[in-house]
Amino acid sequence: RGEWDLQGGLFATRPLGDGVRQITPHFALVNTRAPGHLRVDIGAGWHLDERTGGTEERWRWTETEATVIVDNPHPRPLKVVGTVDGRSLGERDISLAPQGASATTPTVRMNDNRTQTAFPPFTIPPGRSTPVLHSRQPAAASAPGDPRALAVCVFRLELAAMEEGK
């Protein structure tokens, strides 16, 4: 963390302009001086990392609600669009929205097929906030003997800043 952040793994951010330098398919440098720069970290409601042996691909399952910790260092709110590379456990209506707004936020439909799912834009206030990835259907057990309640399998969640007025 300095003039450039190294980002890789579950979360990605995309500031405005030419603020991202892709290093490998999984890692990038993000210019912290770029307009729309955000920092993102994992919150509550996420299960541990999983991966298939012999590959570098990783994912995490969520519970019914999973929070994302977002730091907006700018003095003004930023409009962002969220995209999830993932799948769900069965048919699900999911949303990505500021904490407390998920009940009124439009949902998108996910199913067992891995896909890129874009959510309606929302606003990130200055400072720290905790948007929620929410499943309208309760999380469910995936297999006998697995006590976890699973909702959405996330390979990557990206928050991309949007131009003002869009």
Protein backbone atom coordinates (compact mmCIF):
# COMPACT_ATOMS: atom_id res chain seq x y z
CA ARG A 1 0.00 0.00 0.00
CA GLY A 2 1.41 3.27 -1.19
CA GLU A 3 1.11 4.88 -4.59
CA TRP A 4 0.12 1.45 -5.96
CA ASP A 5 -1.88 -1.33 -4.28
CA LEU A 6 -1.29 -4.97 -5.19
CA GLN A 7 -4.63 -6.63 -5.70
CA GLY A 8 -5.41 -10.26 -6.34
CA GLY A 9 -7.70 -12.95 -5.12
CA LEU A 10 -11.34 -12.59 -4.25
CA PHE A 11 -11.82 -8.83 -4.62
CA ALA A 12 -10.91 -6.36 -7.34
CA THR A 13 -11.45 -2.65 -7.82
CA ARG A 14 -11.38 -0.66 -11.03
CA PRO A 15 -10.83 3.10 -10.69
CA LEU A 16 -11.59 5.51 -13.52
CA GLY A 17 -9.13 5.93 -16.35
CA ASP A 18 -5.91 3.98 -16.71
CA GLY A 19 -5.46 3.11 -13.03
CA VAL A 20 -4.91 -0.66 -13.28
CA ARG A 21 -1.79 -2.50 -14.49
CA GLN A 22 -2.44 -6.24 -14.93
CA ILE A 23 0.64 -8.27 -13.88
CA THR A 24 -0.72 -11.81 -14.21
CA PRO A 25 -4.24 -13.18 -14.79
CA HIS A 26 -4.75 -13.09 -10.99
CA PHE A 27 -2.77 -10.03 -9.84
CA ALA A 28 -2.80 -6.34 -10.73
CA LEU A 29 -1.40 -3.05 -9.50
CA VAL A 30 -3.97 -0.33 -8.79
CA ASN A 31 -2.97 3.32 -8.79
CA THR A 32 -4.11 4.82 -5.46
CA ARG A 33 -4.01 8.32 -7.00
CA ALA A 34 -6.50 7.40 -9.76
CA PRO A 35 -9.97 8.94 -9.56
CA GLY A 36 -12.41 6.44 -8.13
CA HIS A 37 -9.79 4.38 -6.30
CA LEU A 38 -11.24 2.18 -3.53
CA ARG A 39 -9.85 -0.42 -1.16
CA VAL A 40 -11.88 -3.58 -0.53
CA ASP A 41 -11.58 -6.33 2.08
CA ILE A 42 -13.59 -9.29 3.28
CA GLY A 43 -16.26 -8.79 5.93
CA ALA A 44 -18.61 -11.19 7.73
CA GLY A 45 -20.60 -14.03 6.17
CA TRP A 46 -17.87 -15.67 4.08
CA HIS A 47 -16.65 -19.25 4.38
CA LEU A 48 -12.95 -20.13 4.08
CA ASP A 49 -11.05 -20.17 0.78
CA GLU A 50 -11.43 -23.29 -1.34
CA ARG A 51 -9.58 -24.47 -4.40
CA THR A 52 -9.18 -27.45 -6.64
CA GLY A 53 -5.88 -29.28 -6.25
CA GLY A 54 -3.34 -28.53 -8.96
CA THR A 55 -4.88 -25.19 -9.95
CA GLU A 56 -4.50 -21.60 -8.80
CA GLU A 57 -8.24 -20.90 -8.97
CA ARG A 58 -9.84 -20.06 -5.63
CA TRP A 59 -13.33 -19.23 -4.46
CA ARG A 60 -15.37 -18.62 -1.33
CA TRP A 61 -18.96 -19.48 -0.56
CA THR A 62 -21.17 -16.97 1.21
CA GLU A 63 -23.87 -17.38 3.78
CA THR A 64 -27.24 -15.72 3.07
CA GLU A 65 -25.54 -12.35 3.65
CA ALA A 66 -21.86 -11.55 3.15
CA THR A 67 -20.39 -8.11 3.75
CA VAL A 68 -17.59 -6.37 1.91
CA ILE A 69 -15.54 -3.71 3.70
CA VAL A 70 -14.96 -0.75 1.37
CA ASP A 71 -12.72 2.23 2.09
CA ASN A 72 -13.46 5.30 -0.04
CA PRO A 73 -10.56 7.73 0.58
CA HIS A 74 -12.21 10.48 -1.47
CA PRO A 75 -14.14 13.39 0.10
CA ARG A 76 -17.21 12.62 -2.03
CA PRO A 77 -19.41 9.58 -2.60
CA LEU A 78 -18.57 7.33 -5.55
CA LYS A 79 -21.04 5.55 -7.78
CA VAL A 80 -19.92 1.98 -8.50
CA VAL A 81 -21.14 -1.05 -10.37
CA GLY A 82 -20.47 -4.46 -8.84
CA THR A 83 -19.85 -7.63 -10.81
CA VAL A 84 -19.59 -11.15 -9.42
CA ASP A 85 -17.88 -14.00 -11.22
CA GLY A 86 -19.66 -16.90 -9.56
CA ARG A 87 -22.57 -19.25 -9.27
CA SER A 88 -25.17 -20.07 -6.67
CA LEU A 89 -26.45 -23.15 -4.97
CA GLY A 90 -29.66 -23.56 -6.96
CA GLU A 91 -31.77 -20.70 -8.34
CA ARG A 92 -31.31 -17.52 -6.29
CA ASP A 93 -32.28 -13.87 -6.39
CA ILE A 94 -29.28 -11.91 -5.16
CA SER A 95 -28.41 -8.26 -4.67
CA LEU A 96 -25.33 -6.19 -3.96
CA ALA A 97 -26.18 -2.97 -2.16
CA PRO A 98 -25.30 -0.70 0.77
CA GLN A 99 -25.96 -2.23 4.18
CA GLY A 100 -29.64 -1.88 5.11
CA ALA A 101 -30.82 -1.45 1.51
CA SER A 102 -30.88 -5.09 0.34
CA ALA A 103 -34.62 -5.51 1.01
CA THR A 104 -35.48 -2.72 -1.44
CA THR A 105 -32.71 -3.29 -4.00
CA PRO A 106 -33.50 -4.94 -7.34
CA THR A 107 -32.17 -8.47 -7.57
CA VAL A 108 -30.47 -10.47 -10.29
CA ARG A 109 -30.96 -14.20 -10.86
CA MET A 110 -28.13 -16.69 -10.38
CA ASN A 111 -28.08 -20.46 -10.74
CA ASP A 112 -25.63 -23.38 -10.73
CA ASN A 113 -23.85 -22.14 -13.88
CA ARG A 114 -20.79 -19.97 -13.36
CA THR A 115 -21.30 -16.58 -14.98
CA GLN A 116 -20.40 -12.88 -14.74
CA THR A 117 -23.33 -11.19 -12.97
CA ALA A 118 -23.58 -7.38 -12.95
CA PHE A 119 -25.64 -5.57 -10.33
CA PRO A 120 -27.38 -2.19 -10.55
CA PRO A 121 -25.08 0.73 -9.64
CA PHE A 122 -25.02 2.01 -6.07
CA THR A 123 -23.19 4.70 -4.10
CA ILE A 124 -20.22 4.24 -1.77
CA PRO A 125 -20.03 7.10 0.78
CA PRO A 126 -16.70 8.67 1.84
CA GLY A 127 -14.87 6.68 4.51
CA ARG A 128 -15.62 3.08 5.42
CA SER A 129 -18.82 1.27 4.45
CA THR A 130 -20.00 -2.34 4.28
CA PRO A 131 -22.06 -3.26 1.21
CA VAL A 132 -23.89 -6.59 1.41
CA LEU A 133 -24.08 -9.46 -1.07
CA HIS A 134 -27.53 -10.79 -0.15
CA SER A 135 -29.50 -13.88 -1.23
CA ARG A 136 -33.27 -13.59 -0.95
CA GLN A 137 -33.44 -17.37 -0.54
CA PRO A 138 -31.88 -18.81 2.63
CA ALA A 139 -28.50 -20.50 2.40
CA ALA A 140 -28.70 -24.29 2.16
CA ALA A 141 -26.60 -27.35 2.95
CA SER A 142 -24.62 -28.52 -0.09
CA ALA A 143 -23.94 -32.15 0.79
CA PRO A 144 -24.64 -34.61 3.59
CA GLY A 145 -22.08 -34.15 6.34
CA ASP A 146 -21.20 -30.58 5.31
CA PRO A 147 -22.59 -28.36 8.08
CA ARG A 148 -22.07 -25.10 6.15
CA ALA A 149 -25.03 -23.10 4.88
CA LEU A 150 -24.09 -22.00 1.33
CA ALA A 151 -25.66 -19.37 -0.91
CA VAL A 152 -23.26 -17.90 -3.52
CA CYS A 153 -19.90 -19.21 -4.75
CA VAL A 154 -17.71 -16.18 -5.53
CA PHE A 155 -14.58 -16.51 -7.64
CA ARG A 156 -14.19 -12.73 -7.91
CA LEU A 157 -16.16 -9.66 -6.91
CA GLU A 158 -15.24 -6.40 -8.65
CA LEU A 159 -16.30 -2.86 -7.78
CA ALA A 160 -15.78 -0.47 -10.69
CA ALA A 161 -16.06 3.31 -10.32
CA MET A 162 -18.45 5.01 -12.72
CA GLU A 163 -18.13 8.41 -14.38
CA GLU A 164 -20.17 11.15 -12.69
CA GLY A 165 -23.57 11.65 -14.28
CA LYS A 166 -23.88 8.08 -15.59
